[in-house]
Amino acid sequence: MLTPQIIDRAVRAALDEDAPWGDLTSRAFLPPEATARAELVAREPGVFSGGEVFAAAFRLTDPGVAIDVRAPDGTAFEAGAVLAAVEGPAQAVLTGERVGLNFAQRMSGIATLTSRYVAEVAHTPARIVDTRKTTPGLRAFERHAVRSGGGFNHRFSLSDAVMAKDNHLAVLTAGSVDDAALTAALRAGMAQLPHTTHVEVEVDRIAQIEPVLAAGVHTIMLDNFSLDDLRRGVELIAGRAIVEASGGVTLDTVRAIAETGVDVISVGALTHSAPALDLGLDIRIG
């Protein structure tokens, strides 16, 4: 998902945003022949993500900068750990610093938060997955960071899989609560799809489960269900479809949700609410 082409395009855009006419400070105060060595140092514990992206910030600023990424993505570390090192023309090192840090801090923050959710459900078969609640233009980066933290990815875009949510069903059935009409409407839509297309349907009450199952869908999302209703839903579905739990999932609630027997737990907070991890680029003299 996070290809070199995607990395270079986003990093170039970030560098153009940060220094559209060059780095005035570095040009004014740093001699062109000056060199610098610097290390990417963790100020707090976490899980690393974005090593290739961090490196691209310096490589695209000046190919003469040497980058040594010492921690593979997915590496857990403590405060004080040296995650990467850069060495080369001082102007380039200082120009690429902020863009490199911004990506590494954002991605490592997501990876770290994801790892905490994953740890909470490790005693169950449940998967922690992300959502489409990502920063516009940076989905591939944030989805990669979720994987670094031990989580899994949901559909990448609207083009990858079918997910009929509450608003789709409201339009599809014109507000009708007739079970047979819901089943028929879902079957009619599925008949237009290639056989390889995965179909997921969101339900917000127990009564919707059987008519949705009757349509032959692959995944049922139980949205904002209580723990008791999640357990009932898992029992009713009984392996006939993948069961996903969604809606307001937090670190305080995810363990209990996993213990209801659901297969997948989608967590928007992984990408829309993860705090940036505190990383710094420290110049080393001598």
Protein backbone atom coordinates (compact mmCIF):
# COMPACT_ATOMS: atom_id res chain seq x y z
CA MET A 1 0.00 0.00 0.00
CA LEU A 2 2.74 2.48 0.96
CA THR A 3 4.74 2.37 -2.26
CA PRO A 4 7.88 4.40 -3.03
CA GLN A 5 5.84 6.44 -5.50
CA ILE A 6 3.24 7.34 -2.86
CA ILE A 7 5.96 8.20 -0.35
CA ASP A 8 7.89 10.43 -2.75
CA ARG A 9 4.77 12.26 -3.95
CA ALA A 10 3.59 13.12 -0.43
CA VAL A 11 7.04 13.97 0.90
CA ARG A 12 7.81 16.22 -2.08
CA ALA A 13 4.54 18.06 -1.47
CA ALA A 14 5.40 18.46 2.22
CA LEU A 15 8.87 19.78 1.41
CA ASP A 16 7.41 22.23 -1.12
CA GLU A 17 4.95 23.40 1.52
CA ASP A 18 7.63 23.83 4.18
CA ALA A 19 10.32 25.46 2.02
CA PRO A 20 8.64 26.74 -1.15
CA TRP A 21 11.53 29.12 -1.92
CA GLY A 22 14.25 27.35 0.04
CA ASP A 23 15.28 27.39 3.70
CA LEU A 24 16.20 31.03 4.38
CA THR A 25 17.64 30.32 7.83
CA SER A 26 19.95 27.52 6.75
CA ARG A 27 21.13 29.41 3.68
CA ALA A 28 21.87 32.56 5.67
CA PHE A 29 23.63 30.98 8.64
CA LEU A 30 25.09 27.65 7.51
CA PRO A 31 28.08 27.58 5.13
CA PRO A 32 27.40 25.45 2.04
CA GLU A 33 30.35 23.21 2.89
CA ALA A 34 29.21 22.59 6.50
CA THR A 35 28.19 19.03 7.37
CA ALA A 36 26.05 17.68 10.20
CA ARG A 37 25.35 14.39 11.92
CA ALA A 38 22.04 13.91 13.70
CA GLU A 39 20.09 11.12 15.38
CA LEU A 40 16.36 10.48 15.58
CA VAL A 41 15.87 9.98 19.31
CA ALA A 42 12.75 8.84 21.17
CA ARG A 43 11.64 11.10 23.99
CA GLU A 44 9.05 8.56 25.16
CA PRO A 45 8.35 4.83 24.70
CA GLY A 46 6.41 3.70 21.67
CA VAL A 47 6.28 1.71 18.46
CA PHE A 48 8.12 2.99 15.41
CA SER A 49 6.58 3.55 12.00
CA GLY A 50 7.60 5.60 8.98
CA GLY A 51 11.29 4.83 8.61
CA GLU A 52 11.23 4.97 4.80
CA VAL A 53 9.18 8.16 4.91
CA PHE A 54 11.59 9.79 7.35
CA ALA A 55 14.48 8.85 5.07
CA ALA A 56 12.71 10.26 2.01
CA ALA A 57 12.50 13.70 3.60
CA PHE A 58 16.30 13.94 3.54
CA ARG A 59 16.90 11.98 0.33
CA LEU A 60 14.58 14.27 -1.63
CA THR A 61 16.09 17.37 -0.05
CA ASP A 62 19.61 16.34 -1.04
CA PRO A 63 20.73 12.93 -2.34
CA GLY A 64 24.05 13.58 -0.60
CA VAL A 65 22.50 12.98 2.83
CA ALA A 66 23.16 9.46 4.16
CA ILE A 67 20.32 7.96 6.18
CA ASP A 68 20.59 4.94 8.46
CA VAL A 69 17.20 3.76 9.70
CA ARG A 70 18.08 1.56 12.66
CA ALA A 71 14.61 0.53 13.82
CA PRO A 72 12.39 -1.40 11.40
CA ASP A 73 8.75 -0.35 11.35
CA GLY A 74 6.91 -2.16 14.12
CA THR A 75 9.82 -1.98 16.56
CA ALA A 76 8.88 -1.27 20.18
CA PHE A 77 11.33 1.06 21.93
CA GLU A 78 11.95 2.92 25.17
CA ALA A 79 12.71 6.59 25.75
CA GLY A 80 16.23 7.42 24.64
CA ALA A 81 16.35 4.88 21.83
CA VAL A 82 18.11 5.99 18.63
CA LEU A 83 15.78 5.08 15.78
CA ALA A 84 17.70 6.53 12.82
CA ALA A 85 20.73 8.63 11.97
CA VAL A 86 21.42 11.12 9.18
CA GLU A 87 24.67 12.66 7.99
CA GLY A 88 25.47 15.05 5.18
CA PRO A 89 25.29 18.71 4.12
CA ALA A 90 24.08 20.67 7.14
CA GLN A 91 21.72 22.82 5.09
CA ALA A 92 19.91 19.74 3.80
CA VAL A 93 19.77 18.04 7.20
CA LEU A 94 18.15 21.10 8.77
CA THR A 95 15.83 21.67 5.83
CA GLY A 96 14.46 18.13 5.84
CA GLU A 97 14.24 17.87 9.63
CA ARG A 98 10.70 19.05 10.25
CA VAL A 99 9.08 17.16 7.40
CA GLY A 100 10.86 13.96 8.40
CA LEU A 101 9.85 14.40 12.02
CA ASN A 102 6.24 15.26 11.19
CA PHE A 103 5.76 12.01 9.31
CA ALA A 104 7.65 9.85 11.82
CA GLN A 105 5.90 11.37 14.83
CA ARG A 106 2.44 11.03 13.29
CA MET A 107 2.95 7.49 12.06
CA SER A 108 4.66 6.31 15.25
CA GLY A 109 1.84 7.82 17.29
CA ILE A 110 -0.69 5.78 15.34
CA ALA A 111 1.43 2.63 15.62
CA THR A 112 1.81 3.13 19.36
CA LEU A 113 -1.90 3.66 19.98
CA THR A 114 -2.77 0.68 17.80
CA SER A 115 -0.38 -1.54 19.75
CA ARG A 116 -2.24 -0.67 22.96
CA TYR A 117 -5.56 -1.74 21.47
CA VAL A 118 -4.00 -4.92 20.13
CA ALA A 119 -2.57 -5.76 23.56
CA GLU A 120 -6.01 -5.38 25.14
CA VAL A 121 -7.52 -8.09 22.90
CA ALA A 122 -4.49 -10.38 22.55
CA HIS A 123 -6.21 -13.11 24.60
CA THR A 124 -9.04 -13.31 22.04
CA PRO A 125 -9.17 -14.04 18.28
CA ALA A 126 -10.53 -10.54 17.57
CA ARG A 127 -8.71 -8.32 15.08
CA ILE A 128 -8.26 -4.59 15.60
CA VAL A 129 -8.85 -2.74 12.32
CA ASP A 130 -8.81 0.87 11.19
CA THR A 131 -11.47 2.88 9.36
CA ARG A 132 -11.64 5.49 6.59
CA LYS A 133 -11.43 8.23 9.22
CA THR A 134 -7.98 9.24 8.01
CA THR A 135 -6.22 12.51 7.19
CA PRO A 136 -7.11 13.40 3.58
CA GLY A 137 -4.22 12.50 1.30
CA LEU A 138 -2.37 10.51 3.97
CA ARG A 139 -4.46 7.35 4.19
CA ALA A 140 -1.71 5.03 2.93
CA PHE A 141 0.69 6.38 5.55
CA GLU A 142 -1.77 6.09 8.42
CA ARG A 143 -2.94 2.64 7.33
CA HIS A 144 0.70 1.51 7.17
CA ALA A 145 1.19 2.80 10.71
CA VAL A 146 -1.76 0.73 11.93
CA ARG A 147 -0.07 -2.35 10.52
CA SER A 148 3.17 -1.35 12.25
CA GLY A 149 1.27 -1.38 15.53
CA GLY A 150 -0.07 -4.89 15.00
CA GLY A 151 -3.50 -3.92 13.69
CA PHE A 152 -5.18 -4.71 10.39
CA ASN A 153 -6.67 -2.61 7.61
CA HIS A 154 -10.33 -2.32 6.67
CA ARG A 155 -11.23 -1.57 3.03
CA PHE A 156 -8.87 1.07 1.69
CA SER A 157 -11.45 3.07 -0.25
CA LEU A 158 -15.03 3.11 -1.46
CA SER A 159 -13.86 1.20 -4.55
CA ASP A 160 -12.46 -1.84 -2.72
CA ALA A 161 -15.47 -3.46 -1.11
CA VAL A 162 -19.15 -2.90 -0.43
CA MET A 163 -20.25 -1.57 2.93
CA ALA A 164 -23.94 -0.75 3.10
CA LYS A 165 -24.38 1.47 6.16
CA ASP A 166 -27.46 2.85 7.87
CA ASN A 167 -27.92 5.71 5.41
CA HIS A 168 -27.63 3.34 2.45
CA LEU A 169 -30.27 1.08 3.97
CA ALA A 170 -32.56 4.01 4.74
CA VAL A 171 -32.53 5.06 1.09
CA LEU A 172 -32.60 1.49 -0.20
CA THR A 173 -35.72 0.53 1.75
CA ALA A 174 -37.38 3.98 1.76
CA GLY A 175 -37.68 3.68 5.51
CA SER A 176 -39.52 0.35 5.40
CA VAL A 177 -38.90 -2.13 8.22
CA ASP A 178 -40.22 -5.06 6.20
CA ASP A 179 -37.72 -7.92 6.51
CA ALA A 180 -38.46 -9.43 3.13
CA ALA A 181 -38.04 -6.05 1.42
CA LEU A 182 -34.63 -5.58 3.04
CA THR A 183 -33.45 -9.02 1.97
CA ALA A 184 -34.73 -8.53 -1.57
CA ALA A 185 -33.11 -5.10 -1.88
CA LEU A 186 -29.74 -6.42 -0.72
CA ARG A 187 -29.92 -9.38 -3.08
CA ALA A 188 -30.75 -7.11 -6.01
CA GLY A 189 -27.69 -4.96 -5.28
CA MET A 190 -25.40 -7.95 -4.83
CA ALA A 191 -26.56 -9.39 -8.16
CA GLN A 192 -24.88 -6.44 -9.89
CA LEU A 193 -21.48 -7.10 -8.31
CA PRO A 194 -18.62 -9.35 -9.41
CA HIS A 195 -18.48 -12.58 -7.47
CA THR A 196 -15.14 -11.49 -5.95
CA THR A 197 -16.59 -8.41 -4.23
CA HIS A 198 -16.84 -8.59 -0.46
CA VAL A 199 -20.15 -7.28 0.90
CA GLU A 200 -20.58 -5.92 4.41
CA VAL A 201 -23.79 -4.54 5.88
CA GLU A 202 -24.17 -2.45 9.00
CA VAL A 203 -27.05 -3.13 11.36
CA ASP A 204 -28.05 -1.10 14.38
CA ARG A 205 -30.54 -3.47 15.97
CA ILE A 206 -30.87 -7.22 16.52
CA ALA A 207 -33.99 -7.49 14.36
CA GLN A 208 -32.01 -6.59 11.22
CA ILE A 209 -29.60 -9.50 11.51
CA GLU A 210 -31.71 -12.32 10.07
CA PRO A 211 -32.97 -10.47 6.96
CA VAL A 212 -29.43 -9.27 6.24
CA LEU A 213 -28.02 -12.78 6.66
CA ALA A 214 -30.72 -14.11 4.35
CA ALA A 215 -29.28 -11.97 1.56
CA GLY A 216 -25.99 -13.87 1.78
CA VAL A 217 -23.68 -11.02 2.86
CA HIS A 218 -20.12 -11.77 3.96
CA THR A 219 -19.74 -9.49 6.99
CA ILE A 220 -22.25 -7.94 9.39
CA MET A 221 -21.26 -4.87 11.34
CA LEU A 222 -22.98 -4.53 14.71
CA ASP A 223 -22.96 -0.78 15.21
CA ASN A 224 -23.10 0.70 18.71
CA PHE A 225 -24.49 -2.50 20.21
CA SER A 226 -24.42 -3.03 23.97
CA LEU A 227 -22.24 -5.88 25.23
CA ASP A 228 -25.30 -8.06 25.80
CA ASP A 229 -26.56 -7.39 22.29
CA LEU A 230 -23.12 -8.09 20.83
CA ARG A 231 -23.17 -11.49 22.49
CA ARG A 232 -26.70 -12.13 21.17
CA GLY A 233 -25.66 -11.03 17.72
CA VAL A 234 -22.67 -13.38 17.68
CA GLU A 235 -24.94 -16.25 18.73
CA LEU A 236 -27.54 -15.45 16.07
CA ILE A 237 -25.00 -15.13 13.27
CA ALA A 238 -23.37 -18.36 14.41
CA GLY A 239 -20.50 -18.32 11.94
CA ARG A 240 -22.65 -17.56 8.90
CA ALA A 241 -20.80 -14.26 8.39
CA ILE A 242 -17.86 -12.37 9.82
CA VAL A 243 -18.99 -10.28 12.80
CA GLU A 244 -17.62 -6.77 13.17
CA ALA A 245 -18.22 -4.51 16.17
CA SER A 246 -18.02 -0.76 15.67
CA GLY A 247 -18.97 2.51 17.28
CA GLY A 248 -17.36 4.42 20.13
CA VAL A 249 -14.69 1.80 20.84
CA THR A 250 -12.08 2.98 23.38
CA LEU A 251 -9.14 1.46 25.23
CA ASP A 252 -11.43 1.14 28.24
CA THR A 253 -14.10 -0.84 26.36
CA VAL A 254 -12.25 -2.82 23.69
CA ARG A 255 -11.35 -5.80 25.91
CA ALA A 256 -14.97 -6.44 26.91
CA ILE A 257 -16.09 -6.04 23.31
CA ALA A 258 -13.54 -8.61 22.14
CA GLU A 259 -14.70 -11.03 24.81
CA THR A 260 -18.22 -11.10 23.31
CA GLY A 261 -16.85 -13.26 20.49
CA VAL A 262 -16.81 -10.77 17.60
CA ASP A 263 -14.26 -11.35 14.86
CA VAL A 264 -13.31 -7.76 14.07
CA ILE A 265 -13.34 -4.49 16.02
CA SER A 266 -13.06 -1.32 13.96
CA VAL A 267 -11.62 1.70 15.76
CA GLY A 268 -11.74 5.14 14.16
CA ALA A 269 -9.64 6.58 16.98
CA LEU A 270 -6.55 4.75 15.69
CA THR A 271 -6.16 7.34 12.96
CA HIS A 272 -8.34 10.31 13.88
CA SER A 273 -7.28 10.68 17.51
CA ALA A 274 -3.78 9.28 17.88
CA PRO A 275 -1.39 11.81 19.45
CA ALA A 276 1.94 12.38 17.73
CA LEU A 277 4.79 10.56 19.44
CA ASP A 278 7.54 12.74 20.88
CA LEU A 279 10.61 12.17 18.70
CA GLY A 280 13.51 14.59 18.21
CA LEU A 281 16.38 15.04 15.78
CA ASP A 282 19.48 15.72 17.86
CA ILE A 283 22.65 17.13 16.26
CA ARG A 284 25.78 15.25 17.36
CA ILE A 285 29.01 17.27 17.58
CA GLY A 286 32.39 15.57 17.41
